[in-house]
Each structure stands twice: as C-alpha cells, then as structure tokens.
Amino acid sequence: MSLEKRRKPKKTKKEKMLQDSSFRRDDFTLLQEIPKKIIEKPKEAVEKPKEIKEIPEASSFLDELTEIEKDVLEIAKNILKLKRYDSEFEIDSETQIQKYPIIEKLYAKCIAKLAYKKGYSKNEIFLGIRNLEGKNWIVTNERRTKLEILSNKKLVKILDFIRENPGIHARDEKIKNELNITRTPFLKHVMTLERFKLIRSQKIGKSLHYFMVDVPDELDKFRVIFLNPLIPKIIEEFFKDETVSISKIAEIIDIYSGTIQYHLKKLKELNLIKDTKNQSGKKIHLINIKLLKEYNTLFKEPDFTRLLQGL
C-alpha cells in the first residue's frame, strides 16, 4: 500500500476572497444565503448581554470603609459644610496638615471626639482622613461627603439615568423628558458626580458623553455612534444583503443617499464595516461580527443578537 502523503485540498477562490475571522463565519456562507426566517425571527439570543450593575443603597457603600474611616466620615459631614478646600489633600504626615485649614479643623475635631472615646491615635485619625480622600469620600471643592451624594434622590436619579443611557450627552432631549431638568443643572450635577468618581466623561467628537465609572471605556466610541438610530438600520440592511447598494438602502429607510455614504465612511473608520468583492467580482460590504458581539456583552441597546442569531 502506498504511504504517499495526501495533498491537502487547495482553498477555493471563494474562501480566499472572503476569509476574515473578524468579519466572517467559519463556513464562509454568504449572509444572503441564510434563510430570512432565521434572520428576522430568531428563537433566542446568541449571547446574553451583561447587565451593567445597578446602584446599591447608599449605606451599602460603607462596607468598603474601616471603622475609623466611618467615624471620621460622620464628623466630616458637618465640618465640610463650613468651607470648601481648594487643593488635593496630598501630604505625608499630620505635621503638614495645617496647609489645609478645613482638613486641619476636621483633624482637630476627630482627635477631640475620637481619640479618648475610641482610643484612636493621631496617626490613625490622619490616615483615616487621607484614606477617605483617596477613596473619594471627601472631595476637593465639595461640602458634602459621598454618602450624602448617594442619599440625594435627585443625584441618584441622574446616576440611574446614566446607567440606563450610557453615552448620553447634555443636549439629549431625554434629559428634559425623563429627568425634567434643563442642560445647565444637569451639567452641574454630573460635575459633582464625576468629582466623586461615580461617573466618568469621554469627549467624542465635539461633545462630552457620560458613562458609569465601572463601564470599560474601550467601546465608548461604538456606543456613541449607535446612539444615532440610523446606524443600526444601515448595518441591518448590509447584514441582510451584502451586495445592496447605497441608493437602495437610502430608498428602504427613506433617507438621502449622501447621508448613508457619510455614515458608511464613519463605520469603515471604526472597523465595523469593510468593502471587498465576492467570487463573481461584485462589491460587497462585510459586517464586523466580532465587534457587534463584544458590544452586546456590555451594552443592551441596540441589540444585534437578532441579526447574529443566524450565524
């Protein structure tokens, strides 16, 4: 019997042209060959999106503090109302604390109330104050502690709103409709929340967009572009038919073709869509399936699992 090695079959022209792990499935089936019923009415999602964790009760945040930090915080609640302090609390020892008059007052009050009653040393009290600053429980230019912020119904409502609307910007109509406040007070409140490191902002384009502080920032730009309801529609049309023309999409979603072309350019820059040719030489647009899956593990909207179900 011949022991001659079998030659591995050569890849077809079709496979060579369409293979791309980020944009294609392993079987290289054209998207338009997937039955429409699978695309339009999936039974279940491919991957269940992760829920961005909800804001717990204010008191539950205290679990991260030591007993001495809790005691110092209780005193700070009244002391900080007297005056704001201007600089970050960055000192190495309690001997330098006089640089910060309001913190010096807090330090003296804590010694008077806690040193004898609870047996804390001056150094322990100093470290307690410094740790509260480091954990953003007391913050420069704020007369409130983080516990007071998390107990404020209006601020908690804004936190919930940002959690439900990641990437929101100050000019969004939702702010007026759902929070019943205008842009100026909204900006004032988010500045406070950002100082306490409860939210973060990201400048994308000309606007600041707001996210919960625990949301990773690598997908921020995708979240922002998907806030435009036209983008998911464009992606869906290319997903259903990779050969569809710009003019045909414009006709389907009733929008000027130049607008489609503008958004398509942005999608290509973000590596969400790329152009190639199929085996017959016709230009097609491929969707970056991997990025859409990653996006839906973090953000619920828009939900692309309906389209991805057919893969």
Protein backbone atom coordinates (compact mmCIF):
# COMPACT_ATOMS: atom_id res chain seq x y z
CA MET A 1 0.00 0.00 0.00
CA SER A 2 1.30 3.39 -0.90
CA LEU A 3 2.33 5.57 2.02
CA GLU A 4 2.46 8.64 -0.15
CA LYS A 5 1.13 11.71 1.69
CA ARG A 6 -2.18 13.01 0.54
CA ARG A 7 -2.18 16.53 -0.71
CA LYS A 8 -4.26 18.98 1.27
CA PRO A 9 -7.09 20.35 -0.84
CA LYS A 10 -6.46 23.88 -2.05
CA LYS A 11 -8.73 26.59 -0.78
CA THR A 12 -11.32 27.72 -3.26
CA LYS A 13 -11.27 31.18 -4.75
CA LYS A 14 -14.40 31.94 -2.76
CA GLU A 15 -12.70 31.03 0.53
CA LYS A 16 -9.59 33.07 -0.25
CA MET A 17 -11.60 36.19 -1.03
CA LEU A 18 -13.98 36.09 1.92
CA GLN A 19 -11.92 34.64 4.76
CA ASP A 20 -11.57 37.10 7.62
CA SER A 21 -12.07 35.92 11.19
CA SER A 22 -13.43 39.24 12.43
CA PHE A 23 -15.92 39.65 9.63
CA ARG A 24 -16.84 36.13 8.53
CA ARG A 25 -18.13 32.86 9.92
CA ASP A 26 -16.04 29.71 9.67
CA ASP A 27 -18.15 28.24 6.86
CA PHE A 28 -17.89 31.39 4.66
CA THR A 29 -21.59 31.20 3.80
CA LEU A 30 -22.82 34.44 2.28
CA LEU A 31 -25.17 36.27 4.58
CA GLN A 32 -27.87 36.49 1.95
CA GLU A 33 -27.91 32.69 1.75
CA ILE A 34 -29.14 32.45 5.33
CA PRO A 35 -32.90 31.83 5.35
CA LYS A 36 -34.84 35.02 6.01
CA LYS A 37 -36.83 33.38 8.79
CA ILE A 38 -33.65 32.87 10.79
CA ILE A 39 -32.59 36.49 10.36
CA GLU A 40 -35.96 38.00 11.08
CA LYS A 41 -37.34 35.77 13.84
CA PRO A 42 -34.66 34.13 15.96
CA LYS A 43 -35.76 31.94 18.85
CA GLU A 44 -33.19 33.20 21.29
CA ALA A 45 -30.15 35.45 21.53
CA VAL A 46 -26.67 34.15 20.86
CA GLU A 47 -25.16 35.76 23.91
CA LYS A 48 -26.97 37.26 26.84
CA PRO A 49 -25.72 40.82 27.37
CA LYS A 50 -24.10 41.54 30.71
CA GLU A 51 -26.19 43.77 32.91
CA ILE A 52 -24.39 46.92 33.99
CA LYS A 53 -24.68 46.63 37.74
CA GLU A 54 -27.31 48.70 39.45
CA ILE A 55 -26.53 51.33 42.03
CA PRO A 56 -26.84 49.82 45.51
CA GLU A 57 -28.32 51.53 48.55
CA ALA A 58 -26.12 54.36 49.84
CA SER A 59 -25.41 52.63 53.16
CA SER A 60 -24.03 49.55 51.38
CA PHE A 61 -21.12 51.63 50.10
CA LEU A 62 -19.92 51.98 53.68
CA ASP A 63 -18.83 48.34 53.63
CA GLU A 64 -15.63 49.40 51.88
CA LEU A 65 -14.65 51.61 54.82
CA THR A 66 -12.89 50.69 58.06
CA GLU A 67 -14.48 51.57 61.39
CA ILE A 68 -12.22 54.56 61.91
CA GLU A 69 -12.99 55.82 58.38
CA LYS A 70 -16.72 55.58 59.12
CA ASP A 71 -16.27 57.51 62.36
CA VAL A 72 -14.20 60.22 60.65
CA LEU A 73 -16.73 60.44 57.82
CA GLU A 74 -19.56 61.08 60.28
CA ILE A 75 -17.66 64.06 61.71
CA ALA A 76 -16.64 65.25 58.24
CA LYS A 77 -20.32 65.51 57.27
CA ASN A 78 -20.66 68.60 59.48
CA ILE A 79 -17.16 70.05 59.22
CA LEU A 80 -17.05 70.14 55.41
CA LYS A 81 -20.25 72.21 55.29
CA LEU A 82 -18.33 75.12 56.80
CA LYS A 83 -15.99 75.74 53.88
CA ARG A 84 -14.68 74.19 50.69
CA TYR A 85 -10.99 73.43 50.44
CA ASP A 86 -9.09 74.26 47.28
CA SER A 87 -6.29 71.72 46.89
CA GLU A 88 -5.91 67.96 46.75
CA PHE A 89 -5.08 66.53 50.14
CA GLU A 90 -1.58 65.25 49.35
CA ILE A 91 0.62 65.25 52.44
CA ASP A 92 2.91 62.66 54.01
CA SER A 93 2.34 63.30 57.69
CA GLU A 94 -0.02 65.03 60.09
CA THR A 95 2.56 67.77 60.71
CA GLN A 96 1.78 69.16 57.25
CA ILE A 97 -1.98 69.24 57.76
CA GLN A 98 -2.04 72.98 58.51
CA LYS A 99 -1.75 73.55 54.73
CA TYR A 100 -5.44 72.71 54.53
CA PRO A 101 -7.43 74.75 57.10
CA ILE A 102 -10.71 72.86 56.71
CA ILE A 103 -8.95 69.49 56.90
CA GLU A 104 -6.96 70.73 59.90
CA LYS A 105 -10.29 71.58 61.56
CA LEU A 106 -11.62 68.11 60.72
CA TYR A 107 -8.43 66.54 62.10
CA ALA A 108 -8.68 68.51 65.37
CA LYS A 109 -12.40 67.67 65.75
CA CYS A 110 -11.72 63.97 65.19
CA ILE A 111 -8.97 63.97 67.81
CA ALA A 112 -11.26 65.70 70.31
CA LYS A 113 -14.14 63.29 69.69
CA LEU A 114 -12.45 60.01 68.85
CA ALA A 115 -9.01 59.85 70.49
CA TYR A 116 -10.30 59.38 74.05
CA LYS A 117 -13.72 57.89 73.28
CA LYS A 118 -12.49 55.20 70.85
CA GLY A 119 -8.78 55.12 71.56
CA TYR A 120 -7.60 56.12 68.07
CA SER A 121 -4.10 57.58 67.79
CA LYS A 122 -3.45 60.85 65.97
CA ASN A 123 -1.69 58.94 63.20
CA GLU A 124 -4.66 56.59 62.76
CA ILE A 125 -7.02 59.56 62.51
CA PHE A 126 -4.72 61.25 60.00
CA LEU A 127 -4.58 58.09 57.88
CA GLY A 128 -8.36 57.77 58.12
CA ILE A 129 -8.80 61.28 56.69
CA ARG A 130 -6.24 60.65 53.94
CA ASN A 131 -7.87 57.34 53.01
CA LEU A 132 -11.29 58.99 52.73
CA GLU A 133 -9.76 61.50 50.32
CA GLY A 134 -8.09 58.72 48.34
CA LYS A 135 -11.37 56.78 48.08
CA ASN A 136 -13.26 59.94 47.07
CA TRP A 137 -15.49 60.01 50.15
CA ILE A 138 -14.39 63.60 50.75
CA VAL A 139 -13.62 65.62 47.65
CA THR A 140 -11.98 68.93 46.83
CA ASN A 141 -14.45 71.82 46.39
CA GLU A 142 -17.38 69.79 47.74
CA ARG A 143 -19.14 70.43 51.01
CA ARG A 144 -20.78 67.03 51.01
CA THR A 145 -19.47 63.53 51.56
CA LYS A 146 -20.05 60.70 49.12
CA LEU A 147 -22.63 59.22 51.49
CA GLU A 148 -24.66 62.42 51.24
CA ILE A 149 -24.38 62.32 47.45
CA LEU A 150 -25.65 58.73 47.37
CA SER A 151 -28.51 59.67 49.70
CA ASN A 152 -29.65 62.54 47.47
CA LYS A 153 -32.71 61.40 45.47
CA LYS A 154 -32.08 63.81 42.60
CA LEU A 155 -28.43 62.76 42.16
CA VAL A 156 -29.27 59.06 42.47
CA LYS A 157 -31.95 59.54 39.81
CA ILE A 158 -29.31 61.04 37.49
CA LEU A 159 -26.97 58.12 38.26
CA ASP A 160 -29.74 55.68 37.36
CA PHE A 161 -30.44 57.66 34.21
CA ILE A 162 -26.79 57.49 33.08
CA ARG A 163 -26.68 53.79 33.89
CA GLU A 164 -29.73 53.23 31.68
CA ASN A 165 -28.46 55.61 28.97
CA PRO A 166 -24.68 55.10 28.75
CA GLY A 167 -23.01 57.62 26.46
CA ILE A 168 -25.68 60.29 26.98
CA HIS A 169 -24.67 63.90 26.30
CA ALA A 170 -26.02 67.09 27.85
CA ARG A 171 -28.07 68.17 24.81
CA ASP A 172 -30.05 64.95 24.55
CA GLU A 173 -33.81 65.53 24.74
CA LYS A 174 -34.15 62.58 27.11
CA ILE A 175 -32.68 64.70 29.90
CA LYS A 176 -35.56 67.14 29.79
CA ASN A 177 -38.21 64.49 29.12
CA GLU A 178 -37.13 61.90 31.71
CA LEU A 179 -35.30 63.94 34.35
CA ASN A 180 -37.41 67.08 33.96
CA ILE A 181 -34.35 69.33 34.17
CA THR A 182 -32.56 71.51 31.63
CA ARG A 183 -29.00 71.25 30.36
CA THR A 184 -27.41 73.68 32.86
CA PRO A 185 -28.49 71.95 36.10
CA PHE A 186 -27.73 68.57 34.51
CA LEU A 187 -24.15 69.67 33.81
CA LYS A 188 -23.83 70.98 37.37
CA HIS A 189 -24.97 67.65 38.82
CA VAL A 190 -22.79 65.47 36.58
CA MET A 191 -19.74 67.56 37.50
CA THR A 192 -20.42 66.71 41.15
CA LEU A 193 -20.91 63.02 40.36
CA GLU A 194 -17.69 62.99 38.36
CA ARG A 195 -15.71 64.60 41.18
CA PHE A 196 -16.77 61.74 43.44
CA LYS A 197 -15.73 59.23 40.73
CA LEU A 198 -19.26 57.85 40.42
CA ILE A 199 -19.40 58.58 36.69
CA ARG A 200 -16.83 59.41 34.02
CA SER A 201 -16.95 61.55 30.90
CA GLN A 202 -15.45 60.94 27.48
CA LYS A 203 -15.09 63.55 24.77
CA ILE A 204 -16.07 62.04 21.44
CA GLY A 205 -16.34 64.46 18.56
CA LYS A 206 -17.39 67.81 19.98
CA SER A 207 -19.46 66.51 22.90
CA LEU A 208 -18.84 65.08 26.34
CA HIS A 209 -20.54 61.74 26.84
CA TYR A 210 -21.24 60.27 30.27
CA PHE A 211 -20.81 56.69 31.49
CA MET A 212 -20.85 54.91 34.84
CA VAL A 213 -17.33 54.77 36.21
CA ASP A 214 -17.24 50.95 36.18
CA VAL A 215 -18.08 50.66 32.47
CA PRO A 216 -14.91 49.87 30.44
CA ASP A 217 -14.02 52.65 28.01
CA GLU A 218 -12.79 50.63 25.02
CA LEU A 219 -16.25 50.54 23.41
CA ASP A 220 -17.26 54.15 24.15
CA LYS A 221 -16.98 55.31 20.53
CA PHE A 222 -19.21 52.45 19.35
CA ARG A 223 -21.82 53.24 21.98
CA VAL A 224 -21.86 56.88 20.87
CA ILE A 225 -22.20 56.13 17.17
CA PHE A 226 -25.02 53.64 17.88
CA LEU A 227 -26.97 56.38 19.65
CA ASN A 228 -27.85 57.54 16.13
CA PRO A 229 -30.87 55.35 15.18
CA LEU A 230 -29.82 55.39 11.51
CA ILE A 231 -26.64 53.40 12.15
CA PRO A 232 -28.27 50.13 13.28
CA LYS A 233 -30.64 50.38 10.30
CA ILE A 234 -27.73 50.71 7.87
CA ILE A 235 -25.94 47.77 9.47
CA GLU A 236 -29.10 45.66 9.29
CA GLU A 237 -29.54 46.29 5.58
CA PHE A 238 -25.94 45.29 4.82
CA PHE A 239 -26.38 42.29 7.08
CA LYS A 240 -29.43 41.10 5.13
CA ASP A 241 -27.81 41.69 1.74
CA GLU A 242 -24.07 42.32 1.45
CA THR A 243 -24.45 43.38 -2.17
CA VAL A 244 -27.10 46.04 -1.54
CA SER A 245 -26.29 49.45 -2.99
CA ILE A 246 -26.18 52.74 -1.11
CA SER A 247 -29.05 54.09 -3.18
CA LYS A 248 -31.16 51.03 -2.38
CA ILE A 249 -30.59 51.45 1.38
CA ALA A 250 -31.50 55.14 1.05
CA GLU A 251 -34.73 54.09 -0.63
CA ILE A 252 -35.52 51.44 2.01
CA ILE A 253 -35.02 53.67 5.05
CA ASP A 254 -36.15 56.84 3.25
CA ILE A 255 -33.02 58.96 3.70
CA TYR A 256 -30.72 60.90 1.38
CA SER A 257 -28.03 58.63 -0.11
CA GLY A 258 -25.30 61.15 0.75
CA THR A 259 -26.19 60.70 4.42
CA ILE A 260 -25.78 56.94 4.08
CA GLN A 261 -22.40 57.47 2.41
CA TYR A 262 -21.30 59.79 5.24
CA HIS A 263 -22.21 57.28 7.95
CA LEU A 264 -20.71 54.40 5.97
CA LYS A 265 -17.38 56.22 5.95
CA LYS A 266 -17.52 56.52 9.76
CA LEU A 267 -18.38 52.83 10.12
CA LYS A 268 -15.39 51.89 7.99
CA GLU A 269 -13.09 54.10 10.08
CA LEU A 270 -14.30 52.26 13.19
CA ASN A 271 -13.67 48.89 11.51
CA LEU A 272 -17.36 47.98 11.78
CA ILE A 273 -17.77 47.58 8.02
CA LYS A 274 -15.30 46.89 5.22
CA ASP A 275 -15.55 46.53 1.45
CA THR A 276 -14.41 43.52 -0.55
CA LYS A 277 -15.57 41.55 -3.59
CA ASN A 278 -17.34 38.22 -3.84
CA GLN A 279 -16.35 35.37 -6.18
CA SER A 280 -18.13 36.98 -9.09
CA GLY A 281 -16.25 40.25 -8.61
CA LYS A 282 -19.20 42.17 -7.23
CA LYS A 283 -18.56 44.68 -4.46
CA ILE A 284 -19.93 43.65 -1.07
CA HIS A 285 -19.95 45.19 2.43
CA LEU A 286 -18.94 42.92 5.30
CA ILE A 287 -20.05 43.50 8.90
CA ASN A 288 -17.54 43.03 11.73
CA ILE A 289 -19.50 40.37 13.59
CA LYS A 290 -16.91 40.03 16.35
CA LEU A 291 -17.22 43.71 17.32
CA LEU A 292 -21.03 43.54 17.40
CA LYS A 293 -20.88 40.53 19.72
CA GLU A 294 -18.42 42.29 22.01
CA TYR A 295 -20.60 45.38 22.03
CA ASN A 296 -23.70 43.44 23.13
CA THR A 297 -21.85 41.79 26.00
CA LEU A 298 -21.59 45.27 27.55
CA PHE A 299 -24.45 47.37 26.18
CA LYS A 300 -28.05 46.23 25.74
CA GLU A 301 -29.04 48.73 23.05
CA PRO A 302 -29.08 48.43 20.13
CA ASP A 303 -29.49 44.67 20.38
CA PHE A 304 -27.75 42.96 17.45
CA THR A 305 -28.40 39.41 18.69
CA ARG A 306 -31.50 39.26 16.47
CA LEU A 307 -29.27 39.55 13.41
CA LEU A 308 -26.44 37.44 14.80
CA GLN A 309 -28.80 34.57 15.59
CA GLY A 310 -28.49 33.30 12.02
CA LEU A 311 -24.70 32.79 12.25
